[in-house]
Amino acid sequence: MWKKTTTAAKDQFGDVHRRMMKKNCKAVPQWWFYTILILTVILSIYSLESFDKQLQLPWWGLLFACFMAFFFTLPVGIIQATTNLVCFHDRAQIRSLRMCCFCAATRTEVSFDFSSED
């Protein structure tokens, strides 16, 4: 897995779609993606601070959520790609994950009751 990743990054491995895209399209500069990321985070923090009473999420909660997404994307993607199993496909699992993130951000305690089906 690591060998395929490093060879793909060095442009030694390419499928037919990659070759067609490289032939017909110009590459987007990397600074464009970094600019969009930074602007999105800044606007999100600004909106969290501006609508303090309505959104109920502190600025560090947003940064924590971004860190969690960054941290878990690769392991979950590898699990899905190798086993064809989808993590958090059940509504109860998604709801419990959201509640855990909400409780961590707002420092509240919530009891989980999943006896009723949606």
C-alpha atoms as a PDB file:
ATOM      1  CA  MET A   1       0.000   0.000   0.000  1.00  0.00           C
ATOM      2  CA  TRP A   2       2.780   2.405   0.940  1.00  0.00           C
ATOM      3  CA  LYS A   3       4.733   1.589  -2.238  1.00  0.00           C
ATOM      4  CA  LYS A   4       1.714   2.325  -4.450  1.00  0.00           C
ATOM      5  CA  THR A   5       1.134   5.604  -2.636  1.00  0.00           C
ATOM      6  CA  THR A   6       4.715   6.800  -3.004  1.00  0.00           C
ATOM      7  CA  THR A   7       4.948   5.795  -6.660  1.00  0.00           C
ATOM      8  CA  ALA A   8       1.658   7.549  -7.419  1.00  0.00           C
ATOM      9  CA  ALA A   9       2.934  10.670  -5.690  1.00  0.00           C
ATOM     10  CA  LYS A  10       6.123  10.564  -7.774  1.00  0.00           C
ATOM     11  CA  ASP A  11       4.026  10.232 -10.963  1.00  0.00           C
ATOM     12  CA  GLN A  12       5.431   6.802 -11.804  1.00  0.00           C
ATOM     13  CA  PHE A  13       2.019   5.142 -11.668  1.00  0.00           C
ATOM     14  CA  GLY A  14      -0.915   6.399 -13.667  1.00  0.00           C
ATOM     15  CA  ASP A  15      -4.123   4.892 -14.891  1.00  0.00           C
ATOM     16  CA  VAL A  16      -5.888   5.852 -18.105  1.00  0.00           C
ATOM     17  CA  HIS A  17      -7.952   8.576 -16.435  1.00  0.00           C
ATOM     18  CA  ARG A  18      -4.896  10.245 -14.936  1.00  0.00           C
ATOM     19  CA  ARG A  19      -3.150  10.221 -18.297  1.00  0.00           C
ATOM     20  CA  MET A  20      -6.181  11.753 -20.033  1.00  0.00           C
ATOM     21  CA  MET A  21      -6.513  14.461 -17.388  1.00  0.00           C
ATOM     22  CA  LYS A  22      -2.811  15.265 -17.556  1.00  0.00           C
ATOM     23  CA  LYS A  23      -2.977  15.490 -21.347  1.00  0.00           C
ATOM     24  CA  ASN A  24      -6.096  17.686 -21.596  1.00  0.00           C
ATOM     25  CA  CYS A  25      -6.197  19.773 -18.399  1.00  0.00           C
ATOM     26  CA  LYS A  26      -3.809  22.107 -16.660  1.00  0.00           C
ATOM     27  CA  ALA A  27      -2.981  21.356 -13.039  1.00  0.00           C
ATOM     28  CA  VAL A  28      -4.510  23.602 -10.401  1.00  0.00           C
ATOM     29  CA  PRO A  29      -1.811  25.287  -8.277  1.00  0.00           C
ATOM     30  CA  GLN A  30      -1.594  24.033  -4.695  1.00  0.00           C
ATOM     31  CA  TRP A  31      -1.790  27.556  -3.251  1.00  0.00           C
ATOM     32  CA  TRP A  32      -5.378  27.762  -4.549  1.00  0.00           C
ATOM     33  CA  PHE A  33      -6.497  24.927  -2.271  1.00  0.00           C
ATOM     34  CA  TYR A  34      -4.650  26.380   0.725  1.00  0.00           C
ATOM     35  CA  THR A  35      -6.267  29.787   0.103  1.00  0.00           C
ATOM     36  CA  ILE A  36      -9.756  28.297  -0.018  1.00  0.00           C
ATOM     37  CA  LEU A  37      -9.077  26.297   3.154  1.00  0.00           C
ATOM     38  CA  ILE A  38      -7.821  29.310   5.083  1.00  0.00           C
ATOM     39  CA  LEU A  39     -10.661  31.564   3.887  1.00  0.00           C
ATOM     40  CA  THR A  40     -13.252  28.943   4.803  1.00  0.00           C
ATOM     41  CA  VAL A  41     -11.858  28.503   8.307  1.00  0.00           C
ATOM     42  CA  ILE A  42     -11.656  32.276   8.830  1.00  0.00           C
ATOM     43  CA  LEU A  43     -15.231  32.819   7.626  1.00  0.00           C
ATOM     44  CA  SER A  44     -16.460  29.949   9.775  1.00  0.00           C
ATOM     45  CA  ILE A  45     -14.798  31.334  12.892  1.00  0.00           C
ATOM     46  CA  TYR A  46     -16.160  34.784  12.096  1.00  0.00           C
ATOM     47  CA  SER A  47     -19.691  33.419  11.746  1.00  0.00           C
ATOM     48  CA  LEU A  48     -19.342  31.462  14.994  1.00  0.00           C
ATOM     49  CA  GLU A  49     -18.259  34.581  16.839  1.00  0.00           C
ATOM     50  CA  SER A  50     -20.871  36.794  15.161  1.00  0.00           C
ATOM     51  CA  PHE A  51     -23.836  34.507  15.871  1.00  0.00           C
ATOM     52  CA  ASP A  52     -22.662  33.500  19.331  1.00  0.00           C
ATOM     53  CA  LYS A  53     -26.063  32.859  20.916  1.00  0.00           C
ATOM     54  CA  GLN A  54     -27.635  31.088  17.909  1.00  0.00           C
ATOM     55  CA  LEU A  55     -24.848  28.696  16.890  1.00  0.00           C
ATOM     56  CA  GLN A  56     -23.694  27.672  20.405  1.00  0.00           C
ATOM     57  CA  LEU A  57     -20.323  26.396  19.227  1.00  0.00           C
ATOM     58  CA  PRO A  58     -17.088  27.982  20.445  1.00  0.00           C
ATOM     59  CA  TRP A  59     -14.329  28.758  17.974  1.00  0.00           C
ATOM     60  CA  TRP A  60     -12.142  25.984  19.348  1.00  0.00           C
ATOM     61  CA  GLY A  61     -14.966  23.499  18.677  1.00  0.00           C
ATOM     62  CA  LEU A  62     -14.680  24.265  14.975  1.00  0.00           C
ATOM     63  CA  LEU A  63     -10.907  23.760  15.051  1.00  0.00           C
ATOM     64  CA  PHE A  64     -11.429  20.518  16.982  1.00  0.00           C
ATOM     65  CA  ALA A  65     -13.914  19.301  14.344  1.00  0.00           C
ATOM     66  CA  CYS A  66     -11.448  20.172  11.550  1.00  0.00           C
ATOM     67  CA  PHE A  67      -8.714  18.267  13.367  1.00  0.00           C
ATOM     68  CA  MET A  68     -10.975  15.238  13.814  1.00  0.00           C
ATOM     69  CA  ALA A  69     -11.891  15.255  10.120  1.00  0.00           C
ATOM     70  CA  PHE A  70      -8.227  15.571   9.140  1.00  0.00           C
ATOM     71  CA  PHE A  71      -7.175  12.805  11.535  1.00  0.00           C
ATOM     72  CA  PHE A  72      -9.892  10.246  10.727  1.00  0.00           C
ATOM     73  CA  THR A  73     -10.163  10.650   6.944  1.00  0.00           C
ATOM     74  CA  LEU A  74      -7.171   8.473   6.077  1.00  0.00           C
ATOM     75  CA  PRO A  75      -7.858   5.527   8.449  1.00  0.00           C
ATOM     76  CA  VAL A  76     -11.572   5.410   7.586  1.00  0.00           C
ATOM     77  CA  GLY A  77     -10.757   5.660   3.883  1.00  0.00           C
ATOM     78  CA  ILE A  78      -8.290   2.788   4.118  1.00  0.00           C
ATOM     79  CA  ILE A  79     -10.845   0.648   5.983  1.00  0.00           C
ATOM     80  CA  GLN A  80     -13.503   1.387   3.381  1.00  0.00           C
ATOM     81  CA  ALA A  81     -11.179   0.765   0.445  1.00  0.00           C
ATOM     82  CA  THR A  82      -9.737  -2.527   1.677  1.00  0.00           C
ATOM     83  CA  THR A  83     -12.777  -4.129   3.334  1.00  0.00           C
ATOM     84  CA  ASN A  84     -15.692  -2.483   1.493  1.00  0.00           C
ATOM     85  CA  LEU A  85     -17.236  -1.703   4.881  1.00  0.00           C
ATOM     86  CA  VAL A  86     -18.736   1.723   5.430  1.00  0.00           C
ATOM     87  CA  CYS A  87     -18.086   3.244   8.832  1.00  0.00           C
ATOM     88  CA  PHE A  88     -20.943   5.177  10.447  1.00  0.00           C
ATOM     89  CA  HIS A  89     -23.591   4.014   7.998  1.00  0.00           C
ATOM     90  CA  ASP A  90     -26.252   3.595  10.662  1.00  0.00           C
ATOM     91  CA  ARG A  91     -28.269   6.619  11.772  1.00  0.00           C
ATOM     92  CA  ALA A  92     -27.777   5.732  15.425  1.00  0.00           C
ATOM     93  CA  GLN A  93     -24.002   5.690  14.976  1.00  0.00           C
ATOM     94  CA  ILE A  94     -24.019   9.040  13.204  1.00  0.00           C
ATOM     95  CA  ARG A  95     -26.316  10.531  15.842  1.00  0.00           C
ATOM     96  CA  SER A  96     -24.107   9.271  18.675  1.00  0.00           C
ATOM     97  CA  LEU A  97     -21.002  10.719  16.988  1.00  0.00           C
ATOM     98  CA  ARG A  98     -22.716  14.098  16.565  1.00  0.00           C
ATOM     99  CA  MET A  99     -23.878  14.077  20.182  1.00  0.00           C
ATOM    100  CA  CYS A 100     -20.376  13.234  21.412  1.00  0.00           C
ATOM    101  CA  CYS A 101     -18.908  16.121  19.407  1.00  0.00           C
ATOM    102  CA  PHE A 102     -21.646  18.467  20.661  1.00  0.00           C
ATOM    103  CA  CYS A 103     -21.090  17.407  24.264  1.00  0.00           C
ATOM    104  CA  ALA A 104     -17.344  17.872  23.940  1.00  0.00           C
ATOM    105  CA  ALA A 105     -17.790  21.330  22.459  1.00  0.00           C
ATOM    106  CA  THR A 106     -20.446  22.570  24.894  1.00  0.00           C
ATOM    107  CA  ARG A 107     -19.348  20.615  27.986  1.00  0.00           C
ATOM    108  CA  THR A 108     -22.793  19.148  28.612  1.00  0.00           C
ATOM    109  CA  GLU A 109     -23.893  15.655  29.579  1.00  0.00           C
ATOM    110  CA  VAL A 110     -26.412  13.775  27.457  1.00  0.00           C
ATOM    111  CA  SER A 111     -27.842  10.301  27.959  1.00  0.00           C
ATOM    112  CA  PHE A 112     -28.025   8.164  24.830  1.00  0.00           C
ATOM    113  CA  ASP A 113     -31.293   6.313  24.233  1.00  0.00           C
ATOM    114  CA  PHE A 114     -31.456   4.489  20.907  1.00  0.00           C
ATOM    115  CA  SER A 115     -34.462   2.321  21.672  1.00  0.00           C
ATOM    116  CA  SER A 116     -36.676   3.975  19.045  1.00  0.00           C
ATOM    117  CA  GLU A 117     -35.966   3.463  15.352  1.00  0.00           C
ATOM    118  CA  ASP A 118     -36.111   6.310  12.826  1.00  0.00           C
END
